[in-house]
Amino acid sequence: MGYDNDNIFAKILRGDIPNKTVYEDDFVLAFHDVSPQAPVHVLVIPKGAYVDIADFSARASHTEKAGFFSAVNTIVSELGLNEQGFRTIFNTGDHGGQEVPHMHMHILGGEKLGAMLGHK
């Protein structure tokens, strides 16, 4: 699957759709999720055109990768999540529940989070 330049995160990066920015630098844009699943629910997206974490891992430069994870460290620190803990999630592909075809990390925290997945 190729990258879709009209996905909602691409539109947010272009400034076509507003967001509640938490953090931005040369490598990422982080913003509040419009449907939060925890008191703190932030999405972190790379500024490059990557479909998912597998695509990002395969094609991003070392500088982009380091920049992404350095930004995540800054974001969780600025949000005050380090002491009590937080959860990060990359949903990838249909079976992984990925809804937007642009690589993104969810950062959730602000309360004790339950089990990762419900059992059927």
PDB file of N, CA and C in Angstrom:
ATOM      1  N   MET A   1       0.855  -1.172   0.000  1.00  0.00           N
ATOM      2  CA  MET A   1       0.000   0.000   0.000  1.00  0.00           C
ATOM      3  C   MET A   1       0.902   1.235   0.000  1.00  0.00           C
ATOM      4  N   GLY A   2       0.635   2.140  -0.921  1.00  0.00           N
ATOM      5  CA  GLY A   2       1.391   3.379  -0.992  1.00  0.00           C
ATOM      6  C   GLY A   2       0.823   4.430  -0.053  1.00  0.00           C
ATOM      7  N   TYR A   3       1.565   5.481   0.120  1.00  0.00           N
ATOM      8  CA  TYR A   3       1.153   6.562   1.001  1.00  0.00           C
ATOM      9  C   TYR A   3       0.066   7.395   0.334  1.00  0.00           C
ATOM     10  N   ASP A   4      -0.986   7.722   1.084  1.00  0.00           N
ATOM     11  CA  ASP A   4      -2.105   8.546   0.609  1.00  0.00           C
ATOM     12  C   ASP A   4      -1.918   9.977   1.107  1.00  0.00           C
ATOM     13  N   ASN A   5      -1.595  10.895   0.206  1.00  0.00           N
ATOM     14  CA  ASN A   5      -1.367  12.296   0.581  1.00  0.00           C
ATOM     15  C   ASN A   5      -2.621  13.015   1.046  1.00  0.00           C
ATOM     16  N   ASP A   6      -3.781  12.370   0.923  1.00  0.00           N
ATOM     17  CA  ASP A   6      -5.026  12.984   1.370  1.00  0.00           C
ATOM     18  C   ASP A   6      -5.539  12.400   2.681  1.00  0.00           C
ATOM     19  N   ASN A   7      -4.726  11.598   3.388  1.00  0.00           N
ATOM     20  CA  ASN A   7      -5.177  11.093   4.683  1.00  0.00           C
ATOM     21  C   ASN A   7      -5.261  12.261   5.666  1.00  0.00           C
ATOM     22  N   ILE A   8      -6.037  12.080   6.713  1.00  0.00           N
ATOM     23  CA  ILE A   8      -6.309  13.179   7.645  1.00  0.00           C
ATOM     24  C   ILE A   8      -5.046  13.726   8.310  1.00  0.00           C
ATOM     25  N   PHE A   9      -4.065  12.879   8.595  1.00  0.00           N
ATOM     26  CA  PHE A   9      -2.848  13.370   9.230  1.00  0.00           C
ATOM     27  C   PHE A   9      -2.000  14.177   8.248  1.00  0.00           C
ATOM     28  N   ALA A  10      -1.990  13.796   6.979  1.00  0.00           N
ATOM     29  CA  ALA A  10      -1.306  14.595   5.956  1.00  0.00           C
ATOM     30  C   ALA A  10      -1.959  15.972   5.865  1.00  0.00           C
ATOM     31  N   LYS A  11      -3.279  16.004   5.943  1.00  0.00           N
ATOM     32  CA  LYS A  11      -4.003  17.284   5.903  1.00  0.00           C
ATOM     33  C   LYS A  11      -3.687  18.131   7.137  1.00  0.00           C
ATOM     34  N   ILE A  12      -3.563  17.493   8.293  1.00  0.00           N
ATOM     35  CA  ILE A  12      -3.191  18.209   9.516  1.00  0.00           C
ATOM     36  C   ILE A  12      -1.778  18.779   9.367  1.00  0.00           C
ATOM     37  N   LEU A  13      -0.852  17.979   8.837  1.00  0.00           N
ATOM     38  CA  LEU A  13       0.524  18.454   8.652  1.00  0.00           C
ATOM     39  C   LEU A  13       0.583  19.640   7.689  1.00  0.00           C
ATOM     40  N   ARG A  14      -0.278  19.647   6.669  1.00  0.00           N
ATOM     41  CA  ARG A  14      -0.314  20.762   5.711  1.00  0.00           C
ATOM     42  C   ARG A  14      -1.014  21.988   6.269  1.00  0.00           C
ATOM     43  N   GLY A  15      -1.700  21.820   7.399  1.00  0.00           N
ATOM     44  CA  GLY A  15      -2.445  22.932   7.976  1.00  0.00           C
ATOM     45  C   GLY A  15      -3.851  23.072   7.427  1.00  0.00           C
ATOM     46  N   ASP A  16      -4.312  22.066   6.665  1.00  0.00           N
ATOM     47  CA  ASP A  16      -5.669  22.086   6.104  1.00  0.00           C
ATOM     48  C   ASP A  16      -6.724  21.810   7.168  1.00  0.00           C
ATOM     49  N   ILE A  17      -6.334  21.086   8.204  1.00  0.00           N
ATOM     50  CA  ILE A  17      -7.244  20.733   9.302  1.00  0.00           C
ATOM     51  C   ILE A  17      -6.586  21.182  10.600  1.00  0.00           C
ATOM     52  N   PRO A  18      -7.308  21.914  11.448  1.00  0.00           N
ATOM     53  CA  PRO A  18      -6.706  22.373  12.709  1.00  0.00           C
ATOM     54  C   PRO A  18      -6.516  21.221  13.701  1.00  0.00           C
ATOM     55  N   ASN A  19      -5.640  21.442  14.655  1.00  0.00           N
ATOM     56  CA  ASN A  19      -5.405  20.460  15.714  1.00  0.00           C
ATOM     57  C   ASN A  19      -5.026  21.211  16.973  1.00  0.00           C
ATOM     58  N   LYS A  20      -5.031  20.501  18.088  1.00  0.00           N
ATOM     59  CA  LYS A  20      -4.588  21.075  19.360  1.00  0.00           C
ATOM     60  C   LYS A  20      -3.163  20.583  19.601  1.00  0.00           C
ATOM     61  N   THR A  21      -2.217  21.348  19.093  1.00  0.00           N
ATOM     62  CA  THR A  21      -0.809  20.961  19.136  1.00  0.00           C
ATOM     63  C   THR A  21      -0.286  20.917  20.564  1.00  0.00           C
ATOM     64  N   VAL A  22       0.416  19.838  20.864  1.00  0.00           N
ATOM     65  CA  VAL A  22       1.100  19.651  22.140  1.00  0.00           C
ATOM     66  C   VAL A  22       2.585  19.961  21.975  1.00  0.00           C
ATOM     67  N   TYR A  23       3.132  19.563  20.815  1.00  0.00           N
ATOM     68  CA  TYR A  23       4.565  19.697  20.570  1.00  0.00           C
ATOM     69  C   TYR A  23       4.803  19.638  19.065  1.00  0.00           C
ATOM     70  N   GLU A  24       5.797  20.394  18.611  1.00  0.00           N
ATOM     71  CA  GLU A  24       6.195  20.315  17.208  1.00  0.00           C
ATOM     72  C   GLU A  24       7.664  20.656  17.092  1.00  0.00           C
ATOM     73  N   ASP A  25       8.356  19.908  16.229  1.00  0.00           N
ATOM     74  CA  ASP A  25       9.738  20.219  15.891  1.00  0.00           C
ATOM     75  C   ASP A  25       9.954  19.849  14.431  1.00  0.00           C
ATOM     76  N   ASP A  26      11.202  19.720  14.010  1.00  0.00           N
ATOM     77  CA  ASP A  26      11.489  19.411  12.604  1.00  0.00           C
ATOM     78  C   ASP A  26      11.042  18.012  12.190  1.00  0.00           C
ATOM     79  N   PHE A  27      10.848  17.122  13.156  1.00  0.00           N
ATOM     80  CA  PHE A  27      10.582  15.731  12.840  1.00  0.00           C
ATOM     81  C   PHE A  27       9.156  15.281  13.097  1.00  0.00           C
ATOM     82  N   VAL A  28       8.475  15.879  14.068  1.00  0.00           N
ATOM     83  CA  VAL A  28       7.151  15.398  14.477  1.00  0.00           C
ATOM     84  C   VAL A  28       6.182  16.537  14.728  1.00  0.00           C
ATOM     85  N   LEU A  29       4.924  16.150  14.712  1.00  0.00           N
ATOM     86  CA  LEU A  29       3.839  16.982  15.220  1.00  0.00           C
ATOM     87  C   LEU A  29       3.089  16.105  16.210  1.00  0.00           C
ATOM     88  N   ALA A  30       2.835  16.615  17.401  1.00  0.00           N
ATOM     89  CA  ALA A  30       2.072  15.886  18.421  1.00  0.00           C
ATOM     90  C   ALA A  30       0.864  16.734  18.791  1.00  0.00           C
ATOM     91  N   PHE A  31      -0.279  16.062  18.902  1.00  0.00           N
ATOM     92  CA  PHE A  31      -1.516  16.787  19.181  1.00  0.00           C
ATOM     93  C   PHE A  31      -2.486  15.898  19.944  1.00  0.00           C
ATOM     94  N   HIS A  32      -3.449  16.541  20.606  1.00  0.00           N
ATOM     95  CA  HIS A  32      -4.457  15.800  21.367  1.00  0.00           C
ATOM     96  C   HIS A  32      -5.366  15.022  20.423  1.00  0.00           C
ATOM     97  N   ASP A  33      -5.658  13.776  20.795  1.00  0.00           N
ATOM     98  CA  ASP A  33      -6.599  12.947  20.042  1.00  0.00           C
ATOM     99  C   ASP A  33      -7.998  13.537  20.188  1.00  0.00           C
ATOM    100  N   VAL A  34      -8.767  13.553  19.089  1.00  0.00           N
ATOM    101  CA  VAL A  34     -10.122  14.121  19.142  1.00  0.00           C
ATOM    102  C   VAL A  34     -11.099  13.202  19.868  1.00  0.00           C
ATOM    103  N   SER A  35     -10.733  11.930  20.030  1.00  0.00           N
ATOM    104  CA  SER A  35     -11.561  10.972  20.780  1.00  0.00           C
ATOM    105  C   SER A  35     -10.700  10.305  21.843  1.00  0.00           C
ATOM    106  N   PRO A  36     -10.352  11.038  22.889  1.00  0.00           N
ATOM    107  CA  PRO A  36      -9.402  10.504  23.872  1.00  0.00           C
ATOM    108  C   PRO A  36      -9.926   9.258  24.591  1.00  0.00           C
ATOM    109  N   GLN A  37      -8.999   8.314  24.799  1.00  0.00           N
ATOM    110  CA  GLN A  37      -9.299   7.065  25.491  1.00  0.00           C
ATOM    111  C   GLN A  37      -8.727   7.046  26.906  1.00  0.00           C
ATOM    112  N   ALA A  38      -8.126   8.159  27.314  1.00  0.00           N
ATOM    113  CA  ALA A  38      -7.541   8.320  28.654  1.00  0.00           C
ATOM    114  C   ALA A  38      -7.484   9.815  28.926  1.00  0.00           C
ATOM    115  N   PRO A  39      -7.264  10.222  30.191  1.00  0.00           N
ATOM    116  CA  PRO A  39      -7.166  11.654  30.478  1.00  0.00           C
ATOM    117  C   PRO A  39      -6.127  12.369  29.612  1.00  0.00           C
ATOM    118  N   VAL A  40      -5.014  11.700  29.342  1.00  0.00           N
ATOM    119  CA  VAL A  40      -4.027  12.208  28.396  1.00  0.00           C
ATOM    120  C   VAL A  40      -4.003  11.235  27.228  1.00  0.00           C
ATOM    121  N   HIS A  41      -4.285  11.740  26.033  1.00  0.00           N
ATOM    122  CA  HIS A  41      -4.226  10.914  24.827  1.00  0.00           C
ATOM    123  C   HIS A  41      -3.712  11.801  23.701  1.00  0.00           C
ATOM    124  N   VAL A  42      -2.440  11.621  23.387  1.00  0.00           N
ATOM    125  CA  VAL A  42      -1.754  12.431  22.390  1.00  0.00           C
ATOM    126  C   VAL A  42      -1.307  11.533  21.245  1.00  0.00           C
ATOM    127  N   LEU A  43      -1.412  12.054  20.035  1.00  0.00           N
ATOM    128  CA  LEU A  43      -0.900  11.367  18.856  1.00  0.00           C
ATOM    129  C   LEU A  43       0.398  12.039  18.434  1.00  0.00           C
ATOM    130  N   VAL A  44       1.393  11.238  18.100  1.00  0.00           N
ATOM    131  CA  VAL A  44       2.668  11.749  17.612  1.00  0.00           C
ATOM    132  C   VAL A  44       2.846  11.214  16.202  1.00  0.00           C
ATOM    133  N   ILE A  45       2.992  12.133  15.240  1.00  0.00           N
ATOM    134  CA  ILE A  45       3.149  11.717  13.846  1.00  0.00           C
ATOM    135  C   ILE A  45       4.450  12.281  13.282  1.00  0.00           C
ATOM    136  N   PRO A  46       5.136  11.474  12.474  1.00  0.00           N
ATOM    137  CA  PRO A  46       6.323  12.004  11.809  1.00  0.00           C
ATOM    138  C   PRO A  46       5.897  12.966  10.707  1.00  0.00           C
ATOM    139  N   LYS A  47       6.759  13.893  10.376  1.00  0.00           N
ATOM    140  CA  LYS A  47       6.455  14.838   9.305  1.00  0.00           C
ATOM    141  C   LYS A  47       6.677  14.233   7.924  1.00  0.00           C
ATOM    142  N   GLY A  48       7.363  13.099   7.871  1.00  0.00           N
ATOM    143  CA  GLY A  48       7.565  12.401   6.602  1.00  0.00           C
ATOM    144  C   GLY A  48       6.358  11.547   6.255  1.00  0.00           C
ATOM    145  N   ALA A  49       6.291  11.150   4.989  1.00  0.00           N
ATOM    146  CA  ALA A  49       5.169  10.369   4.458  1.00  0.00           C
ATOM    147  C   ALA A  49       5.418   8.871   4.652  1.00  0.00           C
ATOM    148  N   TYR A  50       5.023   8.361   5.815  1.00  0.00           N
ATOM    149  CA  TYR A  50       5.192   6.944   6.143  1.00  0.00           C
ATOM    150  C   TYR A  50       3.842   6.351   6.488  1.00  0.00           C
ATOM    151  N   VAL A  51       3.533   5.193   5.921  1.00  0.00           N
ATOM    152  CA  VAL A  51       2.235   4.557   6.105  1.00  0.00           C
ATOM    153  C   VAL A  51       2.057   4.026   7.519  1.00  0.00           C
ATOM    154  N   ASP A  52       3.096   3.381   8.053  1.00  0.00           N
ATOM    155  CA  ASP A  52       2.997   2.743   9.360  1.00  0.00           C
ATOM    156  C   ASP A  52       4.396   2.576   9.945  1.00  0.00           C
ATOM    157  N   ILE A  53       4.481   1.977  11.122  1.00  0.00           N
ATOM    158  CA  ILE A  53       5.774   1.822  11.791  1.00  0.00           C
ATOM    159  C   ILE A  53       6.727   0.934  10.984  1.00  0.00           C
ATOM    160  N   ALA A  54       6.205  -0.058  10.267  1.00  0.00           N
ATOM    161  CA  ALA A  54       7.065  -0.906   9.445  1.00  0.00           C
ATOM    162  C   ALA A  54       7.683  -0.091   8.308  1.00  0.00           C
ATOM    163  N   ASP A  55       6.878   0.735   7.661  1.00  0.00           N
ATOM    164  CA  ASP A  55       7.347   1.605   6.586  1.00  0.00           C
ATOM    165  C   ASP A  55       8.378   2.603   7.128  1.00  0.00           C
ATOM    166  N   PHE A  56       8.077   3.204   8.268  1.00  0.00           N
ATOM    167  CA  PHE A  56       8.990   4.156   8.908  1.00  0.00           C
ATOM    168  C   PHE A  56      10.311   3.466   9.252  1.00  0.00           C
ATOM    169  N   SER A  57      10.250   2.284   9.826  1.00  0.00           N
ATOM    170  CA  SER A  57      11.457   1.540  10.205  1.00  0.00           C
ATOM    171  C   SER A  57      12.316   1.212   8.995  1.00  0.00           C
ATOM    172  N   ALA A  58      11.666   0.910   7.871  1.00  0.00           N
ATOM    173  CA  ALA A  58      12.391   0.516   6.666  1.00  0.00           C
ATOM    174  C   ALA A  58      12.954   1.706   5.890  1.00  0.00           C
ATOM    175  N   ARG A  59      12.234   2.826   5.862  1.00  0.00           N
ATOM    176  CA  ARG A  59      12.616   3.905   4.944  1.00  0.00           C
ATOM    177  C   ARG A  59      13.106   5.196   5.593  1.00  0.00           C
ATOM    178  N   ALA A  60      12.774   5.454   6.839  1.00  0.00           N
ATOM    179  CA  ALA A  60      13.187   6.714   7.466  1.00  0.00           C
ATOM    180  C   ALA A  60      14.690   6.733   7.699  1.00  0.00           C
ATOM    181  N   SER A  61      15.253   7.917   7.641  1.00  0.00           N
ATOM    182  CA  SER A  61      16.684   8.056   7.918  1.00  0.00           C
ATOM    183  C   SER A  61      16.940   7.853   9.410  1.00  0.00           C
ATOM    184  N   HIS A  62      18.179   7.603   9.741  1.00  0.00           N
ATOM    185  CA  HIS A  62      18.542   7.471  11.161  1.00  0.00           C
ATOM    186  C   HIS A  62      18.221   8.760  11.905  1.00  0.00           C
ATOM    187  N   THR A  63      18.408   9.888  11.250  1.00  0.00           N
ATOM    188  CA  THR A  63      18.117  11.179  11.867  1.00  0.00           C
ATOM    189  C   THR A  63      16.625  11.316  12.164  1.00  0.00           C
ATOM    190  N   GLU A  64      15.777  10.893  11.222  1.00  0.00           N
ATOM    191  CA  GLU A  64      14.325  10.948  11.448  1.00  0.00           C
ATOM    192  C   GLU A  64      13.908  10.028  12.596  1.00  0.00           C
ATOM    193  N   LYS A  65      14.474   8.833  12.621  1.00  0.00           N
ATOM    194  CA  LYS A  65      14.139   7.883  13.692  1.00  0.00           C
ATOM    195  C   LYS A  65      14.570   8.428  15.054  1.00  0.00           C
ATOM    196  N   ALA A  66      15.781   8.919  15.133  1.00  0.00           N
ATOM    197  CA  ALA A  66      16.269   9.478  16.395  1.00  0.00           C
ATOM    198  C   ALA A  66      15.433  10.695  16.784  1.00  0.00           C
ATOM    199  N   GLY A  67      15.097  11.528  15.816  1.00  0.00           N
ATOM    200  CA  GLY A  67      14.287  12.710  16.078  1.00  0.00           C
ATOM    201  C   GLY A  67      12.912  12.358  16.590  1.00  0.00           C
ATOM    202  N   PHE A  68      12.301  11.317  16.018  1.00  0.00           N
ATOM    203  CA  PHE A  68      10.967  10.895  16.457  1.00  0.00           C
ATOM    204  C   PHE A  68      10.995  10.472  17.917  1.00  0.00           C
ATOM    205  N   PHE A  69      11.898   9.565  18.255  1.00  0.00           N
ATOM    206  CA  PHE A  69      11.908   9.034  19.624  1.00  0.00           C
ATOM    207  C   PHE A  69      12.433  10.035  20.640  1.00  0.00           C
ATOM    208  N   SER A  70      13.295  10.932  20.231  1.00  0.00           N
ATOM    209  CA  SER A  70      13.717  12.017  21.118  1.00  0.00           C
ATOM    210  C   SER A  70      12.530  12.927  21.421  1.00  0.00           C
ATOM    211  N   ALA A  71      11.723  13.207  20.395  1.00  0.00           N
ATOM    212  CA  ALA A  71      10.527  14.029  20.591  1.00  0.00           C
ATOM    213  C   ALA A  71       9.551  13.350  21.549  1.00  0.00           C
ATOM    214  N   VAL A  72       9.370  12.042  21.414  1.00  0.00           N
ATOM    215  CA  VAL A  72       8.477  11.310  22.322  1.00  0.00           C
ATOM    216  C   VAL A  72       8.947  11.481  23.757  1.00  0.00           C
ATOM    217  N   ASN A  73      10.244  11.364  23.983  1.00  0.00           N
ATOM    218  CA  ASN A  73      10.795  11.550  25.330  1.00  0.00           C
ATOM    219  C   ASN A  73      10.481  12.948  25.855  1.00  0.00           C
ATOM    220  N   THR A  74      10.645  13.946  25.029  1.00  0.00           N
ATOM    221  CA  THR A  74      10.342  15.327  25.428  1.00  0.00           C
ATOM    222  C   THR A  74       8.858  15.481  25.744  1.00  0.00           C
ATOM    223  N   ILE A  75       8.008  14.918  24.899  1.00  0.00           N
ATOM    224  CA  ILE A  75       6.554  15.048  25.069  1.00  0.00           C
ATOM    225  C   ILE A  75       6.096  14.428  26.384  1.00  0.00           C
ATOM    226  N   VAL A  76       6.514  13.193  26.671  1.00  0.00           N
ATOM    227  CA  VAL A  76       6.058  12.560  27.914  1.00  0.00           C
ATOM    228  C   VAL A  76       6.595  13.304  29.130  1.00  0.00           C
ATOM    229  N   SER A  77       7.792  13.863  29.019  1.00  0.00           N
ATOM    230  CA  SER A  77       8.334  14.668  30.118  1.00  0.00           C
ATOM    231  C   SER A  77       7.509  15.930  30.318  1.00  0.00           C
ATOM    232  N   GLU A  78       7.223  16.632  29.218  1.00  0.00           N
ATOM    233  CA  GLU A  78       6.445  17.871  29.308  1.00  0.00           C
ATOM    234  C   GLU A  78       5.021  17.632  29.805  1.00  0.00           C
ATOM    235  N   LEU A  79       4.468  16.458  29.512  1.00  0.00           N
ATOM    236  CA  LEU A  79       3.125  16.112  29.965  1.00  0.00           C
ATOM    237  C   LEU A  79       3.115  15.577  31.398  1.00  0.00           C
ATOM    238  N   GLY A  80       4.293  15.400  31.993  1.00  0.00           N
ATOM    239  CA  GLY A  80       4.398  14.924  33.366  1.00  0.00           C
ATOM    240  C   GLY A  80       4.027  13.463  33.537  1.00  0.00           C
ATOM    241  N   LEU A  81       4.286  12.653  32.513  1.00  0.00           N
ATOM    242  CA  LEU A  81       3.869  11.249  32.559  1.00  0.00           C
ATOM    243  C   LEU A  81       4.958  10.292  33.034  1.00  0.00           C
ATOM    244  N   ASN A  82       6.194  10.745  33.123  1.00  0.00           N
ATOM    245  CA  ASN A  82       7.297   9.836  33.454  1.00  0.00           C
ATOM    246  C   ASN A  82       7.158   9.159  34.808  1.00  0.00           C
ATOM    247  N   GLU A  83       6.758   9.892  35.819  1.00  0.00           N
ATOM    248  CA  GLU A  83       6.754   9.334  37.177  1.00  0.00           C
ATOM    249  C   GLU A  83       5.731   8.217  37.347  1.00  0.00           C
ATOM    250  N   GLN A  84       4.504   8.428  36.930  1.00  0.00           N
ATOM    251  CA  GLN A  84       3.436   7.442  37.119  1.00  0.00           C
ATOM    252  C   GLN A  84       3.364   6.418  35.991  1.00  0.00           C
ATOM    253  N   GLY A  85       3.893   6.758  34.838  1.00  0.00           N
ATOM    254  CA  GLY A  85       3.887   5.838  33.711  1.00  0.00           C
ATOM    255  C   GLY A  85       2.873   6.218  32.647  1.00  0.00           C
ATOM    256  N   PHE A  86       3.005   5.565  31.515  1.00  0.00           N
ATOM    257  CA  PHE A  86       2.162   5.841  30.354  1.00  0.00           C
ATOM    258  C   PHE A  86       2.223   4.642  29.424  1.00  0.00           C
ATOM    259  N   ARG A  87       1.381   4.653  28.416  1.00  0.00           N
ATOM    260  CA  ARG A  87       1.351   3.578  27.415  1.00  0.00           C
ATOM    261  C   ARG A  87       1.573   4.203  26.046  1.00  0.00           C
ATOM    262  N   THR A  88       2.371   3.528  25.215  1.00  0.00           N
ATOM    263  CA  THR A  88       2.524   3.932  23.821  1.00  0.00           C
ATOM    264  C   THR A  88       2.023   2.799  22.944  1.00  0.00           C
ATOM    265  N   ILE A  89       1.349   3.175  21.859  1.00  0.00           N
ATOM    266  CA  ILE A  89       0.767   2.186  20.950  1.00  0.00           C
ATOM    267  C   ILE A  89       0.987   2.621  19.512  1.00  0.00           C
ATOM    268  N   PHE A  90       1.454   1.684  18.690  1.00  0.00           N
ATOM    269  CA  PHE A  90       1.461   1.834  17.241  1.00  0.00           C
ATOM    270  C   PHE A  90       0.476   0.796  16.702  1.00  0.00           C
ATOM    271  N   ASN A  91      -0.623   1.222  16.125  1.00  0.00           N
ATOM    272  CA  ASN A  91      -1.524   0.294  15.435  1.00  0.00           C
ATOM    273  C   ASN A  91      -1.038   0.196  13.997  1.00  0.00           C
ATOM    274  N   THR A  92      -0.920  -1.033  13.489  1.00  0.00           N
ATOM    275  CA  THR A  92      -0.376  -1.228  12.149  1.00  0.00           C
ATOM    276  C   THR A  92      -1.271  -2.157  11.346  1.00  0.00           C
ATOM    277  N   GLY A  93      -1.744  -1.673  10.219  1.00  0.00           N
ATOM    278  CA  GLY A  93      -2.554  -2.472   9.303  1.00  0.00           C
ATOM    279  C   GLY A  93      -3.951  -2.757   9.829  1.00  0.00           C
ATOM    280  N   ASP A  94      -4.709  -3.445   9.014  1.00  0.00           N
ATOM    281  CA  ASP A  94      -6.103  -3.754   9.322  1.00  0.00           C
ATOM    282  C   ASP A  94      -6.250  -4.577  10.598  1.00  0.00           C
ATOM    283  N   HIS A  95      -5.482  -5.643  10.730  1.00  0.00           N
ATOM    284  CA  HIS A  95      -5.597  -6.501  11.914  1.00  0.00           C
ATOM    285  C   HIS A  95      -5.098  -5.805  13.172  1.00  0.00           C
ATOM    286  N   GLY A  96      -4.226  -4.812  12.997  1.00  0.00           N
ATOM    287  CA  GLY A  96      -3.710  -4.058  14.144  1.00  0.00           C
ATOM    288  C   GLY A  96      -4.596  -2.890  14.532  1.00  0.00           C
ATOM    289  N   GLY A  97      -5.674  -2.669  13.772  1.00  0.00           N
ATOM    290  CA  GLY A  97      -6.615  -1.611  14.101  1.00  0.00           C
ATOM    291  C   GLY A  97      -6.204  -0.221  13.641  1.00  0.00           C
ATOM    292  N   GLN A  98      -5.290  -0.135  12.666  1.00  0.00           N
ATOM    293  CA  GLN A  98      -4.860   1.173  12.174  1.00  0.00           C
ATOM    294  C   GLN A  98      -5.986   1.812  11.370  1.00  0.00           C
ATOM    295  N   GLU A  99      -6.371   3.027  11.760  1.00  0.00           N
ATOM    296  CA  GLU A  99      -7.472   3.717  11.093  1.00  0.00           C
ATOM    297  C   GLU A  99      -7.002   4.782  10.107  1.00  0.00           C
ATOM    298  N   VAL A 100      -5.845   5.366  10.348  1.00  0.00           N
ATOM    299  CA  VAL A 100      -5.309   6.400   9.455  1.00  0.00           C
ATOM    300  C   VAL A 100      -3.999   5.876   8.867  1.00  0.00           C
ATOM    301  N   PRO A 101      -3.867   5.869   7.539  1.00  0.00           N
ATOM    302  CA  PRO A 101      -2.656   5.317   6.914  1.00  0.00           C
ATOM    303  C   PRO A 101      -1.474   6.290   6.908  1.00  0.00           C
ATOM    304  N   HIS A 102      -1.178   6.819   8.086  1.00  0.00           N
ATOM    305  CA  HIS A 102       0.033   7.620   8.310  1.00  0.00           C
ATOM    306  C   HIS A 102       0.560   7.154   9.660  1.00  0.00           C
ATOM    307  N   MET A 103       1.837   6.782   9.707  1.00  0.00           N
ATOM    308  CA  MET A 103       2.412   6.264  10.942  1.00  0.00           C
ATOM    309  C   MET A 103       2.126   7.216  12.094  1.00  0.00           C
ATOM    310  N   HIS A 104       1.663   6.668  13.204  1.00  0.00           N
ATOM    311  CA  HIS A 104       1.408   7.488  14.383  1.00  0.00           C
ATOM    312  C   HIS A 104       1.513   6.645  15.640  1.00  0.00           C
ATOM    313  N   MET A 105       1.948   7.313  16.693  1.00  0.00           N
ATOM    314  CA  MET A 105       2.049   6.691  18.011  1.00  0.00           C
ATOM    315  C   MET A 105       1.016   7.349  18.918  1.00  0.00           C
ATOM    316  N   HIS A 106       0.288   6.515  19.655  1.00  0.00           N
ATOM    317  CA  HIS A 106      -0.607   7.007  20.692  1.00  0.00           C
ATOM    318  C   HIS A 106       0.177   7.032  21.998  1.00  0.00           C
ATOM    319  N   ILE A 107       0.077   8.124  22.731  1.00  0.00           N
ATOM    320  CA  ILE A 107       0.598   8.193  24.094  1.00  0.00           C
ATOM    321  C   ILE A 107      -0.612   8.372  24.995  1.00  0.00           C
ATOM    322  N   LEU A 108      -0.808   7.422  25.916  1.00  0.00           N
ATOM    323  CA  LEU A 108      -1.942   7.468  26.833  1.00  0.00           C
ATOM    324  C   LEU A 108      -1.442   7.463  28.264  1.00  0.00           C
ATOM    325  N   GLY A 109      -2.097   8.238  29.114  1.00  0.00           N
ATOM    326  CA  GLY A 109      -1.711   8.277  30.515  1.00  0.00           C
ATOM    327  C   GLY A 109      -2.653   9.157  31.304  1.00  0.00           C
ATOM    328  N   GLY A 110      -2.200   9.542  32.477  1.00  0.00           N
ATOM    329  CA  GLY A 110      -2.989  10.404  33.342  1.00  0.00           C
ATOM    330  C   GLY A 110      -3.845   9.655  34.336  1.00  0.00           C
ATOM    331  N   GLU A 111      -3.862   8.337  34.236  1.00  0.00           N
ATOM    332  CA  GLU A 111      -4.559   7.471  35.193  1.00  0.00           C
ATOM    333  C   GLU A 111      -4.008   6.066  35.007  1.00  0.00           C
ATOM    334  N   LYS A 112      -4.324   5.187  35.961  1.00  0.00           N
ATOM    335  CA  LYS A 112      -3.916   3.786  35.810  1.00  0.00           C
ATOM    336  C   LYS A 112      -4.736   3.187  34.679  1.00  0.00           C
ATOM    337  N   LEU A 113      -4.054   2.650  33.688  1.00  0.00           N
ATOM    338  CA  LEU A 113      -4.722   2.093  32.513  1.00  0.00           C
ATOM    339  C   LEU A 113      -4.996   0.612  32.725  1.00  0.00           C
ATOM    340  N   GLY A 114      -6.069   0.138  32.157  1.00  0.00           N
ATOM    341  CA  GLY A 114      -6.454  -1.273  32.285  1.00  0.00           C
ATOM    342  C   GLY A 114      -5.633  -2.178  31.391  1.00  0.00           C
ATOM    343  N   ALA A 115      -6.110  -3.397  31.263  1.00  0.00           N
ATOM    344  CA  ALA A 115      -5.438  -4.401  30.441  1.00  0.00           C
ATOM    345  C   ALA A 115      -5.342  -3.909  28.990  1.00  0.00           C
ATOM    346  N   MET A 116      -4.321  -4.342  28.313  1.00  0.00           N
ATOM    347  CA  MET A 116      -4.109  -3.932  26.920  1.00  0.00           C
ATOM    348  C   MET A 116      -5.254  -4.357  26.013  1.00  0.00           C
ATOM    349  N   LEU A 117      -5.629  -5.620  26.078  1.00  0.00           N
ATOM    350  CA  LEU A 117      -6.654  -6.161  25.200  1.00  0.00           C
ATOM    351  C   LEU A 117      -7.650  -6.953  26.025  1.00  0.00           C
ATOM    352  N   GLY A 118      -8.905  -6.819  25.695  1.00  0.00           N
ATOM    353  CA  GLY A 118      -9.903  -7.665  26.337  1.00  0.00           C
ATOM    354  C   GLY A 118      -9.807  -9.077  25.789  1.00  0.00           C
ATOM    355  N   HIS A 119     -10.109 -10.050  26.595  1.00  0.00           N
ATOM    356  CA  HIS A 119     -10.080 -11.441  26.145  1.00  0.00           C
ATOM    357  C   HIS A 119     -11.467 -11.833  25.682  1.00  0.00           C
ATOM    358  N   LYS A 120     -11.508 -12.592  24.607  1.00  0.00           N
ATOM    359  CA  LYS A 120     -12.803 -13.016  24.056  1.00  0.00           C
ATOM    360  C   LYS A 120     -13.204 -14.353  24.616  1.00  0.00           C
TER     361      LYS A 120
END
